[in-house]
Amino acid sequence: MNNTDMKRLKIIMMGPCLEEKGGMGKVSKLILENTCKSIEIRHISTWNGKRSSQYLASYVKVFLQAVINFLIQLIQGKVDLVHLHLSEKGSFIRKSILILIAWAFHKPIILHTHGAEFHIFYNQLSTPLKKIVNFILKQCTYVIVLSESWKQFYIKNCHLSEDRVILLYNPVSIPSQIPNRSNSPLLNFVFLGKIDQRKGIYDLLKAFATLPIQQQNQVNLILAGTGEDEQARQLAKTLGIEKNVQFPGWINERQRDNLLAKAHVFLLPSYQEGLPMALLEAMSWELPCITTPVGGIPEVITDGETGLLVEPGNIEQLATTICSLTTDESLRLRLGKAARNQVKCFDIKIYNQSLFKLYWAAFQQNQKSNTVSVEPISNSINTEKLVEK
């Protein structure tokens, strides 16, 4: 049956607020901004993006309001499918409640996993708790994962059937024009994300401090984000590199695009990742990227071809790699062009076509009619599929 012959599908999407300073908020906004006529998506925030304990009251209030709103929509018959965005820990508890509610109303559920540290959270659980987690996950019609490595984790550890774990790489909005980055006397090396140890911020500062003074003075190191700002500033001061390092704090989408347009290299020396949106955004801006082979990153970055990979925590290797991109303009330009070509297939328009087919597949499966085929869309990553069934 053709989608155009069907009713308009009503989706409830639930996750952090759209202003959340992370990948889930970005992905949700991109999906919502690029929806189609046959799909109606209503977003309900389950978390306000606040992490401190001082926000506990508002945190609970937001979630309770989300549950009430969700129940009203279900009772009024305004829900055909539920799309939930998941990280780990508290997010899993919140989504478990919502999964059970949706299951009680016999609604198909798509669980969209984002958490870079879900495996750590899962492995620390007792065996009985792991069984509860597995039971919750099995109530979902499909589980979307961001990389092949995460797909294998959910199949092997959570005992999900392979046909219910769908690999869907994160989307990105591809800029139409790219600035000329040739013959730049001063280079902007940019980081976007949470300022903390997991993202490798302290390793980055230490590596930069080992560069020869001449190379340090060629580079403006810009660390945009929030988190352990003061600790990072203090380390930069201790290392004597504070005049070369900027901390603009959290930046909005317009500021992000302006920053990436003026950048020459993107840095993300993380210890744990899913498939970071900041990396894909930098690649779409034709930036050469220095990052680590964790999570889904090796599935989009081939070392020496579409970026440069260093081992997490290897400060000497990180410094050497930074040095190579500081001194070799041809390498910067070549890697940047290859990076942009690599992520063109992740364009949000292609992504939404695949996601919406998955919506219809889940809906029709729930209706016990012929399942709509989730047609895979090819991309350039080792002949893998953007969507797999």
Protein backbone atom coordinates (compact mmCIF):
# COMPACT_ATOMS: atom_id res chain seq x y z
CA MET A 1 0.00 0.00 0.00
CA ASN A 2 1.28 3.43 -0.92
CA ASN A 3 1.80 5.91 1.93
CA THR A 4 -0.21 8.53 0.04
CA ASP A 5 -3.27 6.25 0.15
CA MET A 6 -3.16 6.18 3.94
CA LYS A 7 -4.22 8.48 6.73
CA ARG A 8 -1.85 11.12 8.02
CA LEU A 9 0.35 9.42 10.59
CA LYS A 10 0.32 11.08 14.02
CA ILE A 11 3.63 10.77 15.85
CA ILE A 12 4.42 11.73 19.42
CA MET A 13 8.15 12.38 19.74
CA MET A 14 9.47 12.56 23.30
CA GLY A 15 12.90 13.48 24.57
CA PRO A 16 14.85 16.44 25.96
CA CYS A 17 13.74 19.97 25.14
CA LEU A 18 14.71 21.14 21.69
CA GLU A 19 17.07 23.74 23.18
CA GLU A 20 19.05 20.99 24.95
CA LYS A 21 22.80 21.42 24.42
CA GLY A 22 23.40 17.98 22.96
CA GLY A 23 22.88 15.63 20.06
CA MET A 24 19.35 14.51 20.93
CA GLY A 25 17.99 18.03 20.78
CA LYS A 26 19.75 18.70 17.48
CA VAL A 27 18.49 15.50 15.86
CA SER A 28 14.93 16.13 17.05
CA LYS A 29 14.94 19.69 15.68
CA LEU A 30 16.25 18.57 12.30
CA ILE A 31 13.56 15.89 12.02
CA LEU A 32 10.79 18.30 13.01
CA GLU A 33 11.99 21.06 10.66
CA ASN A 34 12.04 18.71 7.68
CA THR A 35 8.88 16.64 8.07
CA CYS A 36 6.50 15.78 5.21
CA LYS A 37 2.75 16.12 4.59
CA SER A 38 1.96 12.48 5.39
CA ILE A 39 3.57 12.73 8.84
CA GLU A 40 2.42 14.90 11.74
CA ILE A 41 4.93 15.03 14.60
CA ARG A 42 4.22 16.58 17.97
CA HIS A 43 7.20 16.96 20.30
CA ILE A 44 6.82 16.63 24.08
CA SER A 45 9.80 17.51 26.29
CA THR A 46 10.57 15.00 29.03
CA TRP A 47 13.64 16.82 30.33
CA ASN A 48 14.54 20.50 30.50
CA GLY A 49 18.25 20.01 29.85
CA LYS A 50 19.26 20.97 33.42
CA ARG A 51 21.82 18.65 35.03
CA SER A 52 22.40 20.17 38.47
CA SER A 53 20.60 18.85 41.55
CA GLN A 54 19.29 22.36 42.19
CA TYR A 55 16.95 21.87 39.22
CA LEU A 56 15.45 18.64 40.58
CA ALA A 57 12.02 20.17 41.23
CA SER A 58 11.67 21.59 37.72
CA TYR A 59 13.13 18.35 36.31
CA VAL A 60 10.37 16.29 37.99
CA LYS A 61 7.71 18.85 37.04
CA VAL A 62 8.66 18.74 33.35
CA PHE A 63 8.52 14.95 33.27
CA LEU A 64 5.18 14.74 35.10
CA GLN A 65 3.71 17.30 32.70
CA ALA A 66 5.03 15.22 29.81
CA VAL A 67 3.39 12.05 31.16
CA ILE A 68 0.05 13.81 31.65
CA ASN A 69 0.21 15.36 28.19
CA PHE A 70 1.10 11.97 26.70
CA LEU A 71 -1.79 10.25 28.44
CA ILE A 72 -4.23 12.90 27.24
CA GLN A 73 -3.07 12.44 23.65
CA LEU A 74 -3.41 8.65 23.95
CA ILE A 75 -6.88 8.79 25.50
CA GLN A 76 -8.05 11.23 22.83
CA GLY A 77 -6.82 8.87 20.11
CA LYS A 78 -4.27 11.33 18.74
CA VAL A 79 -1.31 8.93 18.72
CA ASP A 80 -0.45 6.41 16.00
CA LEU A 81 3.19 5.88 16.96
CA VAL A 82 5.62 6.92 19.69
CA HIS A 83 9.21 7.98 18.96
CA LEU A 84 11.38 8.16 22.11
CA HIS A 85 14.92 9.52 22.34
CA LEU A 86 17.13 7.70 24.87
CA SER A 87 20.56 8.24 26.43
CA GLU A 88 21.23 6.36 29.70
CA LYS A 89 20.71 6.41 33.48
CA GLY A 90 17.86 8.82 34.31
CA SER A 91 16.86 8.97 30.68
CA PHE A 92 16.32 5.21 30.66
CA ILE A 93 14.10 5.39 33.74
CA ARG A 94 11.97 8.12 32.16
CA LYS A 95 11.70 6.31 28.83
CA SER A 96 10.87 3.02 30.57
CA ILE A 97 7.78 4.61 32.09
CA LEU A 98 6.76 6.00 28.70
CA ILE A 99 7.41 2.69 26.95
CA LEU A 100 5.17 0.85 29.39
CA ILE A 101 2.42 3.46 28.96
CA ALA A 102 2.62 3.23 25.15
CA TRP A 103 2.68 -0.58 25.37
CA ALA A 104 -0.45 -0.55 27.56
CA PHE A 105 -2.22 1.47 24.85
CA HIS A 106 -0.95 -0.95 22.15
CA LYS A 107 1.00 1.74 20.32
CA PRO A 108 4.08 0.97 18.20
CA ILE A 109 7.26 2.31 19.76
CA ILE A 110 10.48 3.44 18.12
CA LEU A 111 13.28 3.86 20.63
CA HIS A 112 16.06 6.08 19.32
CA THR A 113 19.27 5.41 21.27
CA HIS A 114 21.91 8.15 21.57
CA GLY A 115 23.81 7.48 24.80
CA ALA A 116 27.58 7.29 24.40
CA GLU A 117 27.87 5.60 27.79
CA PHE A 118 24.85 3.29 27.71
CA HIS A 119 27.15 0.25 27.73
CA ILE A 120 28.82 1.48 30.93
CA PHE A 121 25.42 2.06 32.55
CA TYR A 122 24.20 -1.37 31.40
CA ASN A 123 27.31 -3.31 32.43
CA GLN A 124 27.20 -1.86 35.96
CA LEU A 125 23.70 -3.25 36.54
CA SER A 126 23.03 -6.46 38.43
CA THR A 127 21.76 -9.44 36.45
CA PRO A 128 18.11 -8.96 37.57
CA LEU A 129 18.22 -5.29 36.55
CA LYS A 130 19.72 -6.20 33.18
CA LYS A 131 16.79 -8.55 32.62
CA ILE A 132 14.39 -5.70 33.38
CA VAL A 133 16.21 -3.42 30.92
CA ASN A 134 16.08 -6.15 28.26
CA PHE A 135 12.36 -6.66 28.88
CA ILE A 136 11.70 -2.93 28.46
CA LEU A 137 13.71 -2.78 25.22
CA LYS A 138 11.83 -5.77 23.81
CA GLN A 139 8.54 -3.91 24.08
CA CYS A 140 9.75 -1.55 21.35
CA THR A 141 8.82 -2.21 17.75
CA TYR A 142 12.20 -0.94 16.54
CA VAL A 143 15.35 0.28 18.27
CA ILE A 144 17.36 2.82 16.26
CA VAL A 145 21.13 2.80 16.84
CA LEU A 146 23.79 5.20 15.57
CA SER A 147 26.50 2.75 14.53
CA GLU A 148 27.17 -0.86 13.62
CA SER A 149 29.12 -1.34 16.86
CA TRP A 150 26.09 -0.19 18.88
CA LYS A 151 23.83 -2.43 16.84
CA GLN A 152 25.93 -5.45 17.78
CA PHE A 153 25.91 -4.36 21.44
CA TYR A 154 22.11 -4.31 21.64
CA ILE A 155 21.79 -7.62 19.80
CA LYS A 156 24.45 -9.42 21.83
CA ASN A 157 23.91 -7.94 25.29
CA CYS A 158 20.24 -7.01 25.31
CA HIS A 159 19.18 -10.03 23.22
CA LEU A 160 17.20 -8.01 20.69
CA SER A 161 16.48 -9.66 17.36
CA GLU A 162 18.57 -8.33 14.50
CA ASP A 163 15.61 -7.26 12.37
CA ARG A 164 14.37 -4.96 15.15
CA VAL A 165 17.65 -3.07 15.60
CA ILE A 166 17.88 -0.44 12.87
CA LEU A 167 21.12 1.31 11.98
CA LEU A 168 20.37 4.94 11.19
CA TYR A 169 23.31 7.34 11.25
CA ASN A 170 22.67 10.82 12.61
CA PRO A 171 21.50 13.45 10.10
CA VAL A 172 23.11 16.75 9.22
CA SER A 173 22.08 19.86 7.32
CA ILE A 174 24.60 20.34 4.50
CA PRO A 175 25.73 23.98 3.96
CA SER A 176 25.31 25.14 0.38
CA GLN A 177 28.50 27.22 0.29
CA ILE A 178 31.95 26.64 1.77
CA PRO A 179 34.50 29.43 2.40
CA ASN A 180 37.96 29.47 0.84
CA ARG A 181 40.41 28.37 3.52
CA SER A 182 43.62 28.68 1.50
CA ASN A 183 46.58 30.86 2.53
CA SER A 184 45.36 31.58 6.05
CA PRO A 185 48.08 33.11 8.27
CA LEU A 186 46.16 32.30 11.48
CA LEU A 187 44.37 28.97 11.87
CA ASN A 188 41.24 28.38 13.95
CA PHE A 189 41.19 24.92 15.56
CA VAL A 190 37.69 24.38 16.95
CA PHE A 191 36.06 22.07 19.50
CA LEU A 192 32.27 21.93 20.01
CA GLY A 193 30.71 20.04 22.88
CA LYS A 194 30.71 19.53 26.60
CA ILE A 195 33.87 20.74 28.31
CA ASP A 196 34.91 17.66 30.29
CA GLN A 197 37.24 14.70 30.53
CA ARG A 198 35.06 12.37 28.42
CA LYS A 199 35.41 14.71 25.47
CA GLY A 200 39.20 14.79 25.89
CA ILE A 201 39.41 18.51 26.67
CA TYR A 202 42.28 18.20 29.13
CA ASP A 203 44.22 15.96 26.75
CA LEU A 204 43.71 18.54 24.03
CA LEU A 205 45.08 21.38 26.15
CA LYS A 206 48.08 19.31 27.23
CA ALA A 207 48.81 18.28 23.65
CA PHE A 208 48.57 21.87 22.42
CA ALA A 209 50.98 22.99 25.14
CA THR A 210 53.67 20.63 23.78
CA LEU A 211 53.67 22.24 20.33
CA PRO A 212 56.60 24.49 19.43
CA ILE A 213 55.90 28.13 20.24
CA GLN A 214 55.93 29.04 16.55
CA GLN A 215 53.13 26.59 15.84
CA GLN A 216 51.16 27.62 18.93
CA ASN A 217 51.22 31.18 17.64
CA GLN A 218 49.81 30.01 14.30
CA VAL A 219 46.73 28.59 16.00
CA ASN A 220 43.72 30.06 17.74
CA LEU A 221 42.26 27.20 19.84
CA ILE A 222 38.52 27.72 20.33
CA LEU A 223 36.73 25.44 22.82
CA ALA A 224 33.01 26.15 22.52
CA GLY A 225 30.66 24.56 25.02
CA THR A 226 29.78 24.37 28.69
CA GLY A 227 30.72 22.06 31.54
CA GLU A 228 34.01 22.19 33.42
CA ASP A 229 34.88 25.61 31.99
CA GLU A 230 36.77 26.93 34.99
CA GLN A 231 38.89 23.80 35.36
CA ALA A 232 39.83 23.96 31.68
CA ARG A 233 40.65 27.67 31.90
CA GLN A 234 42.84 27.03 34.92
CA LEU A 235 44.69 24.22 33.14
CA ALA A 236 45.29 26.45 30.11
CA LYS A 237 46.71 29.10 32.44
CA THR A 238 48.89 26.57 34.25
CA LEU A 239 50.23 25.30 30.91
CA GLY A 240 50.97 28.87 29.80
CA ILE A 241 48.76 28.74 26.72
CA GLU A 242 45.83 30.90 27.87
CA LYS A 243 46.55 33.60 25.27
CA ASN A 244 46.02 31.04 22.49
CA VAL A 245 42.80 29.53 23.90
CA GLN A 246 39.27 30.93 23.78
CA PHE A 247 36.23 29.70 25.72
CA PRO A 248 33.15 31.30 24.11
CA GLY A 249 30.79 29.11 26.15
CA TRP A 250 27.61 27.62 24.74
CA ILE A 251 26.77 28.94 21.27
CA ASN A 252 23.51 28.84 19.32
CA GLU A 253 23.06 27.42 15.81
CA ARG A 254 23.84 30.68 14.01
CA GLN A 255 26.98 31.21 16.09
CA ARG A 256 27.97 27.58 15.51
CA ASP A 257 27.70 27.96 11.75
CA ASN A 258 29.68 31.21 11.84
CA LEU A 259 32.36 29.52 13.91
CA LEU A 260 32.60 26.48 11.62
CA ALA A 261 32.70 28.73 8.56
CA LYS A 262 35.76 30.50 10.00
CA ALA A 263 37.40 27.30 11.28
CA HIS A 264 40.25 25.38 9.64
CA VAL A 265 40.33 22.19 11.76
CA PHE A 266 37.84 20.44 14.04
CA LEU A 267 38.97 18.61 17.20
CA LEU A 268 37.13 15.91 19.16
CA PRO A 269 39.52 13.63 21.11
CA SER A 270 36.72 11.81 22.98
CA TYR A 271 36.86 8.70 25.14
CA GLN A 272 33.22 7.69 24.53
CA GLU A 273 30.77 8.64 21.77
CA GLY A 274 27.69 7.47 19.92
CA LEU A 275 27.88 9.34 16.62
CA PRO A 276 28.57 12.98 17.57
CA MET A 277 26.51 15.60 15.78
CA ALA A 278 29.31 18.16 16.17
CA LEU A 279 31.63 15.92 14.16
CA LEU A 280 29.11 15.49 11.33
CA GLU A 281 28.42 19.23 11.29
CA ALA A 282 32.14 19.99 11.05
CA MET A 283 32.54 17.48 8.21
CA SER A 284 29.62 19.07 6.37
CA TRP A 285 31.51 22.39 6.57
CA GLU A 286 34.46 20.72 4.80
CA LEU A 287 36.68 20.71 7.89
CA PRO A 288 39.45 18.17 8.45
CA CYS A 289 38.76 16.43 11.75
CA ILE A 290 41.07 15.04 14.42
CA THR A 291 39.13 12.60 16.55
CA THR A 292 39.23 9.13 18.12
CA PRO A 293 38.05 5.68 16.94
CA VAL A 294 35.26 5.31 19.50
CA GLY A 295 31.54 4.58 19.05
CA GLY A 296 30.39 5.16 15.49
CA ILE A 297 33.26 7.51 14.58
CA PRO A 298 35.35 4.87 12.70
CA GLU A 299 32.31 4.24 10.50
CA VAL A 300 32.43 7.79 9.14
CA ILE A 301 36.12 8.64 9.55
CA THR A 302 38.77 6.59 7.74
CA ASP A 303 42.18 7.54 9.08
CA GLY A 304 44.21 9.48 6.53
CA GLU A 305 41.32 9.62 4.05
CA THR A 306 38.34 11.44 5.58
CA GLY A 307 40.00 12.58 8.80
CA LEU A 308 42.72 11.70 11.29
CA LEU A 309 42.25 9.28 14.19
CA VAL A 310 44.24 9.19 17.43
CA GLU A 311 43.90 6.86 20.38
CA PRO A 312 41.98 8.30 23.34
CA GLY A 313 44.34 9.67 25.97
CA ASN A 314 47.44 9.52 23.74
CA ILE A 315 48.61 13.11 24.20
CA GLU A 316 51.82 12.67 22.21
CA GLN A 317 49.94 11.26 19.20
CA LEU A 318 47.34 14.01 19.47
CA ALA A 319 50.07 16.68 19.50
CA THR A 320 51.80 15.15 16.47
CA THR A 321 48.52 15.06 14.56
CA ILE A 322 47.68 18.67 15.43
CA CYS A 323 51.18 19.61 14.29
CA SER A 324 50.68 17.89 10.93
CA LEU A 325 47.51 19.88 10.18
CA THR A 326 49.10 23.11 11.39
CA THR A 327 51.96 22.86 8.90
CA ASP A 328 50.38 21.08 5.92
CA GLU A 329 47.70 23.13 4.15
CA SER A 330 47.29 20.64 1.30
CA LEU A 331 46.51 17.89 3.81
CA ARG A 332 43.95 20.10 5.56
CA LEU A 333 42.18 20.92 2.30
CA ARG A 334 42.24 17.34 1.02
CA LEU A 335 40.84 15.85 4.21
CA GLY A 336 38.20 18.58 4.44
CA LYS A 337 36.86 17.92 0.94
CA ALA A 338 36.79 14.16 1.57
CA ALA A 339 34.95 14.72 4.87
CA ARG A 340 32.23 16.78 3.21
CA ASN A 341 31.77 14.18 0.47
CA GLN A 342 31.49 11.48 3.13
CA VAL A 343 28.56 13.08 4.95
CA LYS A 344 26.52 14.21 1.96
CA CYS A 345 24.52 10.99 2.23
CA PHE A 346 23.60 11.97 5.81
CA ASP A 347 21.63 14.97 4.58
CA ILE A 348 18.48 15.43 6.65
CA LYS A 349 16.23 15.09 3.60
CA ILE A 350 17.59 11.61 2.84
CA TYR A 351 17.51 10.74 6.52
CA ASN A 352 13.86 11.70 6.97
CA GLN A 353 12.83 9.63 3.94
CA SER A 354 14.32 6.60 5.68
CA LEU A 355 12.91 7.47 9.10
CA PHE A 356 9.41 8.03 7.75
CA LYS A 357 9.48 4.65 5.97
CA LEU A 358 10.37 3.14 9.32
CA TYR A 359 7.41 4.93 10.92
CA TRP A 360 5.04 3.42 8.37
CA ALA A 361 6.62 -0.02 8.76
CA ALA A 362 6.12 0.09 12.53
CA PHE A 363 2.58 1.41 12.21
CA GLN A 364 1.46 -1.19 9.70
CA GLN A 365 3.17 -3.97 11.62
CA ASN A 366 1.19 -2.86 14.64
CA GLN A 367 -1.98 -2.91 12.56
CA LYS A 368 -1.20 -6.53 11.59
CA SER A 369 -1.36 -5.75 7.90
CA ASN A 370 1.33 -6.13 5.25
CA THR A 371 4.53 -4.55 6.55
CA VAL A 372 5.85 -1.69 4.49
CA SER A 373 9.33 -2.59 3.31
CA VAL A 374 12.02 -0.45 4.91
CA GLU A 375 13.99 0.09 1.71
CA PRO A 376 17.68 0.57 2.44
CA ILE A 377 19.40 3.66 1.09
CA SER A 378 23.01 3.23 0.07
CA ASN A 379 25.78 5.42 1.38
CA SER A 380 29.52 5.52 0.94
CA ILE A 381 30.50 3.88 4.21
CA ASN A 382 31.88 0.46 3.35
CA THR A 383 28.72 -0.33 1.34
CA GLU A 384 26.67 -0.19 4.53
CA LYS A 385 23.08 1.05 4.46
CA LEU A 386 21.73 4.25 5.90
CA VAL A 387 18.77 2.19 7.03
CA GLU A 388 18.87 -1.55 7.47
CA LYS A 389 16.02 -3.89 8.07
